[in-house]
């Protein structure tokens, strides 16, 4: 069954403190408050740490092989990497490094994983390896919801279809900024749209909708001084938003926005149905992931269990780390499933 987990933060792996932290010297993406807690955590951390170190070493070896070729292939062939067969072992090794990082699961690991995938897109604009499906879930885990939505918007508008010239390096690339999260999701609900992107965009909208509902409830409390003093309500509101899209919007935080959670709820229903039509296995697996988490299918077809497993592994952590998100989806659309 789906299990709620805390949102990512930079902290000691043992005690959770966030001050004066040391990094693991091998993987560089696990932190500790001191040597004692590092030693205590070593048995639990060793396998994932060793995997990161090995995958990083392999990636660096492949990079050196490429740099031995004539010219600077990383600059001269930027954006066209996959078309050069000699680059493919390096790109595969870099993705394996990303997979090892994600298994560590810390904020640092997810951030480094994202940075590597984003640079892989710089090297290969056309994304022959499909890393664009992995990135939205990582951005959501990092609390970069607007970047996530902008990324999805570009790939499903400018980057969709055959009109974009992938080898023209002068064309703008991933240049959508501050796209409207309240806009219609119609462009994401196509029959053959990217399932991973629709799932991630659904979570963006769920986070904002839940925030609007919670803030509205707090504003109602503040309107009645017999319930809670306004000063206390204002303090609580600062810690309420799940999404920085909300926390950075002064009108919303001050209760002056006319944006309605009902607008998003209607859109989310459409997106739920779109995902359900494209892959009937996904939503049930989000609630009861079981053996599907960690699955590594080699191939898939649209609507298959294998497609669901890929998208689930790209997105599950982001959903589980969002307070109330899976529970709301269950109560709204899937009350026949169990949730704990």
C-alpha atoms as a PDB file:
ATOM      1  CA  UNK A   1       0.000   0.000   0.000  1.00  0.00           C
ATOM      2  CA  UNK A   2       1.098   3.561  -0.591  1.00  0.00           C
ATOM      3  CA  UNK A   3       3.027   4.991   2.330  1.00  0.00           C
ATOM      4  CA  UNK A   4       3.340   8.691   3.066  1.00  0.00           C
ATOM      5  CA  UNK A   5       6.995   9.725   3.369  1.00  0.00           C
ATOM      6  CA  UNK A   6       8.488  13.070   4.458  1.00  0.00           C
ATOM      7  CA  UNK A   7       9.413  15.597   1.754  1.00  0.00           C
ATOM      8  CA  UNK A   8      13.100  15.717   0.896  1.00  0.00           C
ATOM      9  CA  UNK A   9      15.347  17.981   2.917  1.00  0.00           C
ATOM     10  CA  UNK A  10      19.061  18.276   3.599  1.00  0.00           C
ATOM     11  CA  UNK A  11      19.636  16.480   6.899  1.00  0.00           C
ATOM     12  CA  UNK A  12      21.677  13.912   8.786  1.00  0.00           C
ATOM     13  CA  UNK A  13      20.681  10.398   7.709  1.00  0.00           C
ATOM     14  CA  UNK A  14      20.506   9.249  11.342  1.00  0.00           C
ATOM     15  CA  UNK A  15      19.160  12.040  13.554  1.00  0.00           C
ATOM     16  CA  UNK A  16      17.650  14.403  10.985  1.00  0.00           C
ATOM     17  CA  UNK A  17      19.487  17.535  12.043  1.00  0.00           C
ATOM     18  CA  UNK A  18      20.131  20.033   9.278  1.00  0.00           C
ATOM     19  CA  UNK A  19      23.106  21.963  10.642  1.00  0.00           C
ATOM     20  CA  UNK A  20      26.875  21.637  10.164  1.00  0.00           C
ATOM     21  CA  UNK A  21      26.668  18.487   8.073  1.00  0.00           C
ATOM     22  CA  UNK A  22      29.449  16.356   6.607  1.00  0.00           C
ATOM     23  CA  UNK A  23      29.203  14.606   3.253  1.00  0.00           C
ATOM     24  CA  UNK A  24      29.949  10.952   2.703  1.00  0.00           C
ATOM     25  CA  UNK A  25      33.383  10.946   1.090  1.00  0.00           C
ATOM     26  CA  UNK A  26      32.522   8.170  -1.381  1.00  0.00           C
ATOM     27  CA  UNK A  27      29.115   8.975  -2.839  1.00  0.00           C
ATOM     28  CA  UNK A  28      29.100  12.723  -1.969  1.00  0.00           C
ATOM     29  CA  UNK A  29      25.291  12.722  -1.681  1.00  0.00           C
ATOM     30  CA  UNK A  30      24.621  11.472   1.864  1.00  0.00           C
ATOM     31  CA  UNK A  31      25.084  13.784   4.846  1.00  0.00           C
ATOM     32  CA  UNK A  32      25.786  13.333   8.536  1.00  0.00           C
ATOM     33  CA  UNK A  33      26.043  15.528  11.602  1.00  0.00           C
ATOM     34  CA  UNK A  34      29.268  13.792  12.611  1.00  0.00           C
ATOM     35  CA  UNK A  35      31.530  10.780  12.246  1.00  0.00           C
ATOM     36  CA  UNK A  36      29.639   8.736  14.832  1.00  0.00           C
ATOM     37  CA  UNK A  37      26.387   8.851  12.890  1.00  0.00           C
ATOM     38  CA  UNK A  38      28.234   8.208   9.636  1.00  0.00           C
ATOM     39  CA  UNK A  39      29.714   5.035  11.133  1.00  0.00           C
ATOM     40  CA  UNK A  40      26.331   4.018  12.547  1.00  0.00           C
ATOM     41  CA  UNK A  41      24.658   4.439   9.161  1.00  0.00           C
ATOM     42  CA  UNK A  42      27.390   2.722   7.155  1.00  0.00           C
ATOM     43  CA  UNK A  43      25.805  -0.781   7.046  1.00  0.00           C
ATOM     44  CA  UNK A  44      22.546   0.642   5.662  1.00  0.00           C
ATOM     45  CA  UNK A  45      24.284   3.011   3.261  1.00  0.00           C
ATOM     46  CA  UNK A  46      27.143   0.851   1.997  1.00  0.00           C
ATOM     47  CA  UNK A  47      25.499  -0.888  -0.974  1.00  0.00           C
ATOM     48  CA  UNK A  48      23.954   2.251  -2.495  1.00  0.00           C
ATOM     49  CA  UNK A  49      27.096   4.268  -1.773  1.00  0.00           C
ATOM     50  CA  UNK A  50      29.348   1.721  -3.467  1.00  0.00           C
ATOM     51  CA  UNK A  51      27.040   1.600  -6.489  1.00  0.00           C
ATOM     52  CA  UNK A  52      27.215   5.388  -6.903  1.00  0.00           C
ATOM     53  CA  UNK A  53      30.995   5.332  -6.664  1.00  0.00           C
ATOM     54  CA  UNK A  54      31.303   2.548  -9.255  1.00  0.00           C
ATOM     55  CA  UNK A  55      28.839   4.102 -11.699  1.00  0.00           C
ATOM     56  CA  UNK A  56      30.531   7.485 -11.383  1.00  0.00           C
ATOM     57  CA  UNK A  57      33.901   5.882 -12.096  1.00  0.00           C
ATOM     58  CA  UNK A  58      32.565   4.100 -15.190  1.00  0.00           C
ATOM     59  CA  UNK A  59      31.000   7.324 -16.451  1.00  0.00           C
ATOM     60  CA  UNK A  60      34.259   9.213 -15.982  1.00  0.00           C
ATOM     61  CA  UNK A  61      36.181   6.498 -17.832  1.00  0.00           C
ATOM     62  CA  UNK A  62      33.762   6.719 -20.762  1.00  0.00           C
ATOM     63  CA  UNK A  63      34.092  10.497 -20.743  1.00  0.00           C
ATOM     64  CA  UNK A  64      37.870  10.230 -21.005  1.00  0.00           C
ATOM     65  CA  UNK A  65      37.498   7.882 -23.970  1.00  0.00           C
ATOM     66  CA  UNK A  66      35.454  10.533 -25.764  1.00  0.00           C
ATOM     67  CA  UNK A  67      37.893  13.290 -24.911  1.00  0.00           C
ATOM     68  CA  UNK A  68      40.655  11.290 -26.585  1.00  0.00           C
ATOM     69  CA  UNK A  69      38.879  11.726 -29.922  1.00  0.00           C
ATOM     70  CA  UNK A  70      39.895  14.566 -32.220  1.00  0.00           C
ATOM     71  CA  UNK A  71      38.347  17.883 -31.215  1.00  0.00           C
ATOM     72  CA  UNK A  72      36.143  18.642 -28.224  1.00  0.00           C
ATOM     73  CA  UNK A  73      33.113  16.492 -28.916  1.00  0.00           C
ATOM     74  CA  UNK A  74      31.304  17.840 -25.846  1.00  0.00           C
ATOM     75  CA  UNK A  75      31.282  21.322 -27.367  1.00  0.00           C
ATOM     76  CA  UNK A  76      31.414  20.725 -31.108  1.00  0.00           C
ATOM     77  CA  UNK A  77      28.591  18.161 -31.118  1.00  0.00           C
ATOM     78  CA  UNK A  78      26.438  19.681 -28.392  1.00  0.00           C
ATOM     79  CA  UNK A  79      22.802  18.802 -29.002  1.00  0.00           C
ATOM     80  CA  UNK A  80      23.604  16.038 -31.497  1.00  0.00           C
ATOM     81  CA  UNK A  81      25.373  13.532 -29.281  1.00  0.00           C
ATOM     82  CA  UNK A  82      23.297  10.429 -29.963  1.00  0.00           C
ATOM     83  CA  UNK A  83      23.923  10.679 -33.689  1.00  0.00           C
ATOM     84  CA  UNK A  84      27.585   9.891 -33.009  1.00  0.00           C
ATOM     85  CA  UNK A  85      27.796   6.204 -32.109  1.00  0.00           C
ATOM     86  CA  UNK A  86      30.957   6.638 -30.051  1.00  0.00           C
ATOM     87  CA  UNK A  87      29.036   8.737 -27.516  1.00  0.00           C
ATOM     88  CA  UNK A  88      26.446   6.111 -26.677  1.00  0.00           C
ATOM     89  CA  UNK A  89      28.444   4.097 -24.107  1.00  0.00           C
ATOM     90  CA  UNK A  90      29.085   7.356 -22.268  1.00  0.00           C
ATOM     91  CA  UNK A  91      25.421   8.374 -22.317  1.00  0.00           C
ATOM     92  CA  UNK A  92      24.349   4.947 -21.072  1.00  0.00           C
ATOM     93  CA  UNK A  93      26.979   5.060 -18.318  1.00  0.00           C
ATOM     94  CA  UNK A  94      25.799   8.510 -17.278  1.00  0.00           C
ATOM     95  CA  UNK A  95      22.214   7.306 -17.041  1.00  0.00           C
ATOM     96  CA  UNK A  96      23.341   4.336 -14.946  1.00  0.00           C
ATOM     97  CA  UNK A  97      25.007   6.846 -12.618  1.00  0.00           C
ATOM     98  CA  UNK A  98      21.701   8.713 -12.360  1.00  0.00           C
ATOM     99  CA  UNK A  99      19.845   5.506 -11.497  1.00  0.00           C
ATOM    100  CA  UNK A 100      22.335   4.771  -8.716  1.00  0.00           C
ATOM    101  CA  UNK A 101      21.907   8.291  -7.330  1.00  0.00           C
ATOM    102  CA  UNK A 102      18.124   8.018  -7.241  1.00  0.00           C
ATOM    103  CA  UNK A 103      18.404   4.851  -5.159  1.00  0.00           C
ATOM    104  CA  UNK A 104      20.268   6.809  -2.468  1.00  0.00           C
ATOM    105  CA  UNK A 105      17.177   9.005  -2.301  1.00  0.00           C
ATOM    106  CA  UNK A 106      18.552  12.069  -0.511  1.00  0.00           C
ATOM    107  CA  UNK A 107      17.965  15.669  -1.561  1.00  0.00           C
ATOM    108  CA  UNK A 108      21.575  15.899  -2.744  1.00  0.00           C
ATOM    109  CA  UNK A 109      21.297  12.662  -4.716  1.00  0.00           C
ATOM    110  CA  UNK A 110      18.107  13.742  -6.463  1.00  0.00           C
ATOM    111  CA  UNK A 111      19.570  17.163  -7.251  1.00  0.00           C
ATOM    112  CA  UNK A 112      22.741  15.677  -8.760  1.00  0.00           C
ATOM    113  CA  UNK A 113      20.615  13.185 -10.710  1.00  0.00           C
ATOM    114  CA  UNK A 114      18.538  16.032 -12.145  1.00  0.00           C
ATOM    115  CA  UNK A 115      21.625  18.088 -13.030  1.00  0.00           C
ATOM    116  CA  UNK A 116      23.061  15.136 -14.942  1.00  0.00           C
ATOM    117  CA  UNK A 117      19.851  14.431 -16.842  1.00  0.00           C
ATOM    118  CA  UNK A 118      19.438  18.085 -17.732  1.00  0.00           C
ATOM    119  CA  UNK A 119      22.987  18.142 -19.082  1.00  0.00           C
ATOM    120  CA  UNK A 120      22.275  14.980 -21.060  1.00  0.00           C
ATOM    121  CA  UNK A 121      19.482  16.910 -22.772  1.00  0.00           C
ATOM    122  CA  UNK A 122      21.944  19.683 -23.549  1.00  0.00           C
ATOM    123  CA  UNK A 123      24.143  17.111 -25.272  1.00  0.00           C
ATOM    124  CA  UNK A 124      21.247  15.334 -26.984  1.00  0.00           C
ATOM    125  CA  UNK A 125      18.315  17.655 -27.608  1.00  0.00           C
ATOM    126  CA  UNK A 126      16.196  14.995 -29.261  1.00  0.00           C
ATOM    127  CA  UNK A 127      16.449  12.835 -26.118  1.00  0.00           C
ATOM    128  CA  UNK A 128      16.823   9.438 -27.743  1.00  0.00           C
ATOM    129  CA  UNK A 129      17.130   7.859 -24.295  1.00  0.00           C
ATOM    130  CA  UNK A 130      13.833   9.243 -22.987  1.00  0.00           C
ATOM    131  CA  UNK A 131      15.250  11.002 -19.929  1.00  0.00           C
ATOM    132  CA  UNK A 132      12.584  13.690 -20.305  1.00  0.00           C
ATOM    133  CA  UNK A 133      10.165  11.255 -18.653  1.00  0.00           C
ATOM    134  CA  UNK A 134      12.355  10.998 -15.547  1.00  0.00           C
ATOM    135  CA  UNK A 135      13.005  14.700 -14.971  1.00  0.00           C
ATOM    136  CA  UNK A 136       9.538  15.943 -13.857  1.00  0.00           C
ATOM    137  CA  UNK A 137       9.405  13.600 -10.875  1.00  0.00           C
ATOM    138  CA  UNK A 138      12.844  14.720  -9.738  1.00  0.00           C
ATOM    139  CA  UNK A 139      11.943  18.406 -10.009  1.00  0.00           C
ATOM    140  CA  UNK A 140       8.819  17.819  -7.939  1.00  0.00           C
ATOM    141  CA  UNK A 141      10.843  16.055  -5.246  1.00  0.00           C
ATOM    142  CA  UNK A 142      13.175  19.060  -5.161  1.00  0.00           C
ATOM    143  CA  UNK A 143      10.265  21.462  -4.682  1.00  0.00           C
ATOM    144  CA  UNK A 144      10.764  23.040  -8.104  1.00  0.00           C
ATOM    145  CA  UNK A 145       7.154  22.759  -9.204  1.00  0.00           C
ATOM    146  CA  UNK A 146       7.091  25.670 -11.644  1.00  0.00           C
ATOM    147  CA  UNK A 147      10.213  24.396 -13.416  1.00  0.00           C
ATOM    148  CA  UNK A 148       8.556  21.004 -13.615  1.00  0.00           C
ATOM    149  CA  UNK A 149       5.410  22.411 -15.195  1.00  0.00           C
ATOM    150  CA  UNK A 150       7.414  24.590 -17.603  1.00  0.00           C
ATOM    151  CA  UNK A 151       9.470  21.565 -18.645  1.00  0.00           C
ATOM    152  CA  UNK A 152       6.333  19.525 -19.292  1.00  0.00           C
ATOM    153  CA  UNK A 153       4.701  22.397 -21.179  1.00  0.00           C
ATOM    154  CA  UNK A 154       7.652  22.765 -23.561  1.00  0.00           C
ATOM    155  CA  UNK A 155       7.924  19.082 -24.383  1.00  0.00           C
ATOM    156  CA  UNK A 156       4.196  18.793 -25.034  1.00  0.00           C
ATOM    157  CA  UNK A 157       3.912  21.931 -27.166  1.00  0.00           C
ATOM    158  CA  UNK A 158       7.098  23.123 -28.878  1.00  0.00           C
ATOM    159  CA  UNK A 159       8.796  19.751 -28.522  1.00  0.00           C
ATOM    160  CA  UNK A 160       5.810  17.727 -29.665  1.00  0.00           C
ATOM    161  CA  UNK A 161       5.447  16.438 -33.196  1.00  0.00           C
ATOM    162  CA  UNK A 162       7.724  16.742 -36.187  1.00  0.00           C
ATOM    163  CA  UNK A 163       7.956  20.512 -36.604  1.00  0.00           C
ATOM    164  CA  UNK A 164      10.890  21.168 -34.255  1.00  0.00           C
ATOM    165  CA  UNK A 165      14.334  21.034 -35.872  1.00  0.00           C
ATOM    166  CA  UNK A 166      16.381  19.154 -33.287  1.00  0.00           C
ATOM    167  CA  UNK A 167      19.723  19.788 -34.971  1.00  0.00           C
ATOM    168  CA  UNK A 168      19.317  23.575 -35.232  1.00  0.00           C
ATOM    169  CA  UNK A 169      21.196  24.790 -32.169  1.00  0.00           C
ATOM    170  CA  UNK A 170      20.009  28.360 -32.742  1.00  0.00           C
ATOM    171  CA  UNK A 171      16.411  27.455 -31.919  1.00  0.00           C
ATOM    172  CA  UNK A 172      15.218  28.114 -28.358  1.00  0.00           C
ATOM    173  CA  UNK A 173      15.154  24.944 -26.282  1.00  0.00           C
ATOM    174  CA  UNK A 174      13.240  24.336 -23.053  1.00  0.00           C
ATOM    175  CA  UNK A 175      12.545  28.062 -22.884  1.00  0.00           C
ATOM    176  CA  UNK A 176       9.017  28.035 -21.422  1.00  0.00           C
ATOM    177  CA  UNK A 177       8.965  30.111 -18.232  1.00  0.00           C
ATOM    178  CA  UNK A 178       6.167  30.634 -15.706  1.00  0.00           C
ATOM    179  CA  UNK A 179       3.506  28.729 -17.631  1.00  0.00           C
ATOM    180  CA  UNK A 180       0.042  29.019 -16.092  1.00  0.00           C
ATOM    181  CA  UNK A 181      -0.640  26.027 -13.852  1.00  0.00           C
ATOM    182  CA  UNK A 182      -4.351  26.936 -13.937  1.00  0.00           C
ATOM    183  CA  UNK A 183      -4.571  26.606 -17.722  1.00  0.00           C
ATOM    184  CA  UNK A 184      -6.553  23.853 -19.410  1.00  0.00           C
ATOM    185  CA  UNK A 185      -4.746  20.491 -19.422  1.00  0.00           C
ATOM    186  CA  UNK A 186      -6.196  19.626 -22.821  1.00  0.00           C
ATOM    187  CA  UNK A 187      -2.746  19.596 -24.419  1.00  0.00           C
ATOM    188  CA  UNK A 188      -1.709  16.872 -21.948  1.00  0.00           C
ATOM    189  CA  UNK A 189      -4.767  14.684 -22.411  1.00  0.00           C
ATOM    190  CA  UNK A 190      -4.052  13.476 -25.931  1.00  0.00           C
ATOM    191  CA  UNK A 191      -4.478   9.766 -26.637  1.00  0.00           C
ATOM    192  CA  UNK A 192      -0.799   9.320 -27.394  1.00  0.00           C
ATOM    193  CA  UNK A 193       0.593  11.930 -25.007  1.00  0.00           C
ATOM    194  CA  UNK A 194       3.462  11.268 -22.614  1.00  0.00           C
ATOM    195  CA  UNK A 195       1.987   9.370 -19.668  1.00  0.00           C
ATOM    196  CA  UNK A 196       4.802  10.383 -17.304  1.00  0.00           C
ATOM    197  CA  UNK A 197       4.209  14.049 -18.080  1.00  0.00           C
ATOM    198  CA  UNK A 198       0.456  13.902 -17.520  1.00  0.00           C
ATOM    199  CA  UNK A 199       0.991  12.119 -14.199  1.00  0.00           C
ATOM    200  CA  UNK A 200       3.539  14.721 -13.053  1.00  0.00           C
ATOM    201  CA  UNK A 201       1.405  17.669 -14.163  1.00  0.00           C
ATOM    202  CA  UNK A 202      -1.527  16.136 -12.298  1.00  0.00           C
ATOM    203  CA  UNK A 203       0.540  16.182  -9.113  1.00  0.00           C
ATOM    204  CA  UNK A 204       1.488  19.828  -9.674  1.00  0.00           C
ATOM    205  CA  UNK A 205      -2.188  20.732  -9.889  1.00  0.00           C
ATOM    206  CA  UNK A 206      -3.083  18.548  -6.894  1.00  0.00           C
ATOM    207  CA  UNK A 207      -0.449  20.288  -4.756  1.00  0.00           C
ATOM    208  CA  UNK A 208      -1.694  23.751  -5.684  1.00  0.00           C
ATOM    209  CA  UNK A 209      -5.343  22.762  -5.229  1.00  0.00           C
ATOM    210  CA  UNK A 210      -4.729  21.300  -1.760  1.00  0.00           C
ATOM    211  CA  UNK A 211      -2.809  24.423  -0.792  1.00  0.00           C
ATOM    212  CA  UNK A 212      -5.664  26.674  -1.905  1.00  0.00           C
ATOM    213  CA  UNK A 213      -8.152  24.609   0.088  1.00  0.00           C
ATOM    214  CA  UNK A 214      -6.003  24.665   3.223  1.00  0.00           C
ATOM    215  CA  UNK A 215      -5.353  28.393   2.979  1.00  0.00           C
ATOM    216  CA  UNK A 216      -9.049  29.101   2.449  1.00  0.00           C
ATOM    217  CA  UNK A 217      -9.849  27.140   5.602  1.00  0.00           C
ATOM    218  CA  UNK A 218      -7.240  29.121   7.535  1.00  0.00           C
ATOM    219  CA  UNK A 219      -8.618  32.403   6.221  1.00  0.00           C
ATOM    220  CA  UNK A 220     -12.066  31.379   7.478  1.00  0.00           C
ATOM    221  CA  UNK A 221     -10.575  30.777  10.924  1.00  0.00           C
ATOM    222  CA  UNK A 222      -8.906  34.173  10.853  1.00  0.00           C
ATOM    223  CA  UNK A 223     -12.216  35.844  10.057  1.00  0.00           C
ATOM    224  CA  UNK A 224     -13.612  34.617  13.373  1.00  0.00           C
ATOM    225  CA  UNK A 225     -11.447  35.857  16.278  1.00  0.00           C
ATOM    226  CA  UNK A 226     -13.257  33.414  18.595  1.00  0.00           C
ATOM    227  CA  UNK A 227     -11.590  30.520  16.780  1.00  0.00           C
ATOM    228  CA  UNK A 228      -7.974  31.623  16.302  1.00  0.00           C
ATOM    229  CA  UNK A 229      -6.161  34.964  16.574  1.00  0.00           C
ATOM    230  CA  UNK A 230      -5.197  36.390  13.184  1.00  0.00           C
ATOM    231  CA  UNK A 231      -1.544  36.529  14.237  1.00  0.00           C
ATOM    232  CA  UNK A 232      -1.518  32.773  14.817  1.00  0.00           C
ATOM    233  CA  UNK A 233      -3.342  32.125  11.549  1.00  0.00           C
ATOM    234  CA  UNK A 234      -0.735  34.165   9.678  1.00  0.00           C
ATOM    235  CA  UNK A 235       2.076  32.153  11.260  1.00  0.00           C
ATOM    236  CA  UNK A 236       0.428  28.848  10.377  1.00  0.00           C
ATOM    237  CA  UNK A 237      -0.117  29.972   6.780  1.00  0.00           C
ATOM    238  CA  UNK A 238       3.628  30.387   6.262  1.00  0.00           C
ATOM    239  CA  UNK A 239       4.112  26.653   6.819  1.00  0.00           C
ATOM    240  CA  UNK A 240       0.983  25.458   5.009  1.00  0.00           C
ATOM    241  CA  UNK A 241       1.860  25.368   1.277  1.00  0.00           C
ATOM    242  CA  UNK A 242       3.191  22.192  -0.272  1.00  0.00           C
ATOM    243  CA  UNK A 243       4.032  24.023  -3.476  1.00  0.00           C
ATOM    244  CA  UNK A 244       6.325  27.035  -3.940  1.00  0.00           C
ATOM    245  CA  UNK A 245       3.957  28.087  -6.713  1.00  0.00           C
ATOM    246  CA  UNK A 246       1.589  29.006  -3.893  1.00  0.00           C
ATOM    247  CA  UNK A 247       4.059  30.146  -1.240  1.00  0.00           C
ATOM    248  CA  UNK A 248       5.664  32.612  -3.669  1.00  0.00           C
ATOM    249  CA  UNK A 249       2.328  34.090  -4.772  1.00  0.00           C
ATOM    250  CA  UNK A 250       1.660  37.043  -2.464  1.00  0.00           C
ATOM    251  CA  UNK A 251      -1.969  37.458  -3.528  1.00  0.00           C
ATOM    252  CA  UNK A 252      -2.733  33.842  -2.712  1.00  0.00           C
ATOM    253  CA  UNK A 253      -0.900  33.954   0.604  1.00  0.00           C
ATOM    254  CA  UNK A 254      -2.658  37.203   1.573  1.00  0.00           C
ATOM    255  CA  UNK A 255      -6.066  35.787   0.680  1.00  0.00           C
ATOM    256  CA  UNK A 256      -6.582  38.272  -2.148  1.00  0.00           C
ATOM    257  CA  UNK A 257      -6.523  35.830  -5.058  1.00  0.00           C
ATOM    258  CA  UNK A 258      -9.676  34.849  -6.934  1.00  0.00           C
ATOM    259  CA  UNK A 259      -8.128  31.572  -8.097  1.00  0.00           C
ATOM    260  CA  UNK A 260     -10.391  28.677  -7.168  1.00  0.00           C
ATOM    261  CA  UNK A 261      -9.408  25.165  -6.103  1.00  0.00           C
ATOM    262  CA  UNK A 262     -12.564  23.970  -7.856  1.00  0.00           C
ATOM    263  CA  UNK A 263     -11.070  24.976 -11.208  1.00  0.00           C
ATOM    264  CA  UNK A 264      -8.123  22.701 -10.554  1.00  0.00           C
ATOM    265  CA  UNK A 265     -10.308  19.901  -9.196  1.00  0.00           C
ATOM    266  CA  UNK A 266     -12.224  19.789 -12.482  1.00  0.00           C
ATOM    267  CA  UNK A 267      -8.977  19.747 -14.459  1.00  0.00           C
ATOM    268  CA  UNK A 268      -7.531  17.005 -12.264  1.00  0.00           C
ATOM    269  CA  UNK A 269     -10.613  14.876 -12.918  1.00  0.00           C
ATOM    270  CA  UNK A 270     -10.022  15.227 -16.663  1.00  0.00           C
ATOM    271  CA  UNK A 271      -6.365  14.291 -16.235  1.00  0.00           C
ATOM    272  CA  UNK A 272      -7.255  11.306 -14.076  1.00  0.00           C
ATOM    273  CA  UNK A 273      -9.574  10.027 -16.791  1.00  0.00           C
ATOM    274  CA  UNK A 274      -6.967  10.646 -19.476  1.00  0.00           C
ATOM    275  CA  UNK A 275      -4.353   8.612 -17.605  1.00  0.00           C
ATOM    276  CA  UNK A 276      -6.911   5.884 -16.873  1.00  0.00           C
ATOM    277  CA  UNK A 277      -7.767   5.587 -20.576  1.00  0.00           C
ATOM    278  CA  UNK A 278      -4.118   5.433 -21.625  1.00  0.00           C
ATOM    279  CA  UNK A 279      -3.034   2.983 -18.941  1.00  0.00           C
ATOM    280  CA  UNK A 280      -5.657   1.347 -16.730  1.00  0.00           C
ATOM    281  CA  UNK A 281      -2.966  -0.045 -14.420  1.00  0.00           C
ATOM    282  CA  UNK A 282      -1.377   3.194 -13.267  1.00  0.00           C
ATOM    283  CA  UNK A 283      -3.658   4.705 -10.628  1.00  0.00           C
ATOM    284  CA  UNK A 284      -4.230   1.405  -8.860  1.00  0.00           C
ATOM    285  CA  UNK A 285      -0.465   0.830  -8.771  1.00  0.00           C
ATOM    286  CA  UNK A 286       0.083   4.310  -7.315  1.00  0.00           C
ATOM    287  CA  UNK A 287      -2.092   3.293  -4.364  1.00  0.00           C
ATOM    288  CA  UNK A 288      -0.781  -0.276  -4.115  1.00  0.00           C
ATOM    289  CA  UNK A 289       2.689  -0.219  -5.722  1.00  0.00           C
ATOM    290  CA  UNK A 290       3.955  -3.481  -4.243  1.00  0.00           C
ATOM    291  CA  UNK A 291       6.362  -5.397  -6.450  1.00  0.00           C
ATOM    292  CA  UNK A 292       6.070  -2.820  -9.238  1.00  0.00           C
ATOM    293  CA  UNK A 293       8.405  -0.449  -7.400  1.00  0.00           C
ATOM    294  CA  UNK A 294      11.915  -1.271  -8.511  1.00  0.00           C
ATOM    295  CA  UNK A 295      10.799  -3.142 -11.639  1.00  0.00           C
ATOM    296  CA  UNK A 296      12.992  -2.550 -14.697  1.00  0.00           C
ATOM    297  CA  UNK A 297      11.121  -3.561 -17.852  1.00  0.00           C
ATOM    298  CA  UNK A 298      13.278  -3.654 -20.972  1.00  0.00           C
ATOM    299  CA  UNK A 299      10.457  -2.732 -23.330  1.00  0.00           C
ATOM    300  CA  UNK A 300       6.820  -1.718 -23.200  1.00  0.00           C
ATOM    301  CA  UNK A 301       3.817  -0.850 -25.311  1.00  0.00           C
ATOM    302  CA  UNK A 302       1.252   1.824 -24.574  1.00  0.00           C
ATOM    303  CA  UNK A 303      -1.229   0.750 -21.935  1.00  0.00           C
ATOM    304  CA  UNK A 304       0.877  -2.164 -20.703  1.00  0.00           C
ATOM    305  CA  UNK A 305       1.899  -3.131 -17.177  1.00  0.00           C
ATOM    306  CA  UNK A 306       5.485  -2.461 -18.234  1.00  0.00           C
ATOM    307  CA  UNK A 307       4.676   1.136 -19.194  1.00  0.00           C
ATOM    308  CA  UNK A 308       2.947   1.579 -15.843  1.00  0.00           C
ATOM    309  CA  UNK A 309       6.000   0.249 -14.007  1.00  0.00           C
ATOM    310  CA  UNK A 310       8.321   2.705 -15.714  1.00  0.00           C
ATOM    311  CA  UNK A 311       6.104   5.712 -15.014  1.00  0.00           C
ATOM    312  CA  UNK A 312       5.391   4.549 -11.467  1.00  0.00           C
ATOM    313  CA  UNK A 313       9.093   4.358 -10.675  1.00  0.00           C
ATOM    314  CA  UNK A 314       9.652   7.806 -12.177  1.00  0.00           C
ATOM    315  CA  UNK A 315       6.832   9.409 -10.188  1.00  0.00           C
ATOM    316  CA  UNK A 316       5.918   7.452  -7.057  1.00  0.00           C
ATOM    317  CA  UNK A 317       8.355   9.135  -4.664  1.00  0.00           C
ATOM    318  CA  UNK A 318       7.096  12.605  -5.627  1.00  0.00           C
ATOM    319  CA  UNK A 319       3.508  11.565  -4.878  1.00  0.00           C
ATOM    320  CA  UNK A 320       4.421   9.817  -1.623  1.00  0.00           C
ATOM    321  CA  UNK A 321       6.378  12.866  -0.437  1.00  0.00           C
ATOM    322  CA  UNK A 322       3.414  15.212  -0.990  1.00  0.00           C
ATOM    323  CA  UNK A 323       1.190  15.297   2.128  1.00  0.00           C
ATOM    324  CA  UNK A 324      -2.364  14.293   1.320  1.00  0.00           C
ATOM    325  CA  UNK A 325      -1.899  13.888  -2.441  1.00  0.00           C
ATOM    326  CA  UNK A 326      -2.475  10.151  -2.858  1.00  0.00           C
ATOM    327  CA  UNK A 327      -5.147  10.165  -0.171  1.00  0.00           C
ATOM    328  CA  UNK A 328      -7.054  12.916  -1.992  1.00  0.00           C
ATOM    329  CA  UNK A 329      -6.895  10.986  -5.268  1.00  0.00           C
ATOM    330  CA  UNK A 330      -8.192   7.867  -3.513  1.00  0.00           C
ATOM    331  CA  UNK A 331     -11.066   9.678  -1.845  1.00  0.00           C
ATOM    332  CA  UNK A 332     -11.991  11.532  -5.019  1.00  0.00           C
ATOM    333  CA  UNK A 333     -11.611   8.807  -7.637  1.00  0.00           C
ATOM    334  CA  UNK A 334     -10.538   5.464  -6.159  1.00  0.00           C
ATOM    335  CA  UNK A 335     -12.460   4.770  -2.969  1.00  0.00           C
ATOM    336  CA  UNK A 336     -12.412   1.047  -3.742  1.00  0.00           C
ATOM    337  CA  UNK A 337      -8.659   0.967  -3.015  1.00  0.00           C
ATOM    338  CA  UNK A 338      -6.988   0.860   0.394  1.00  0.00           C
ATOM    339  CA  UNK A 339      -4.772   3.684   1.602  1.00  0.00           C
ATOM    340  CA  UNK A 340      -2.647   3.924   4.743  1.00  0.00           C
END
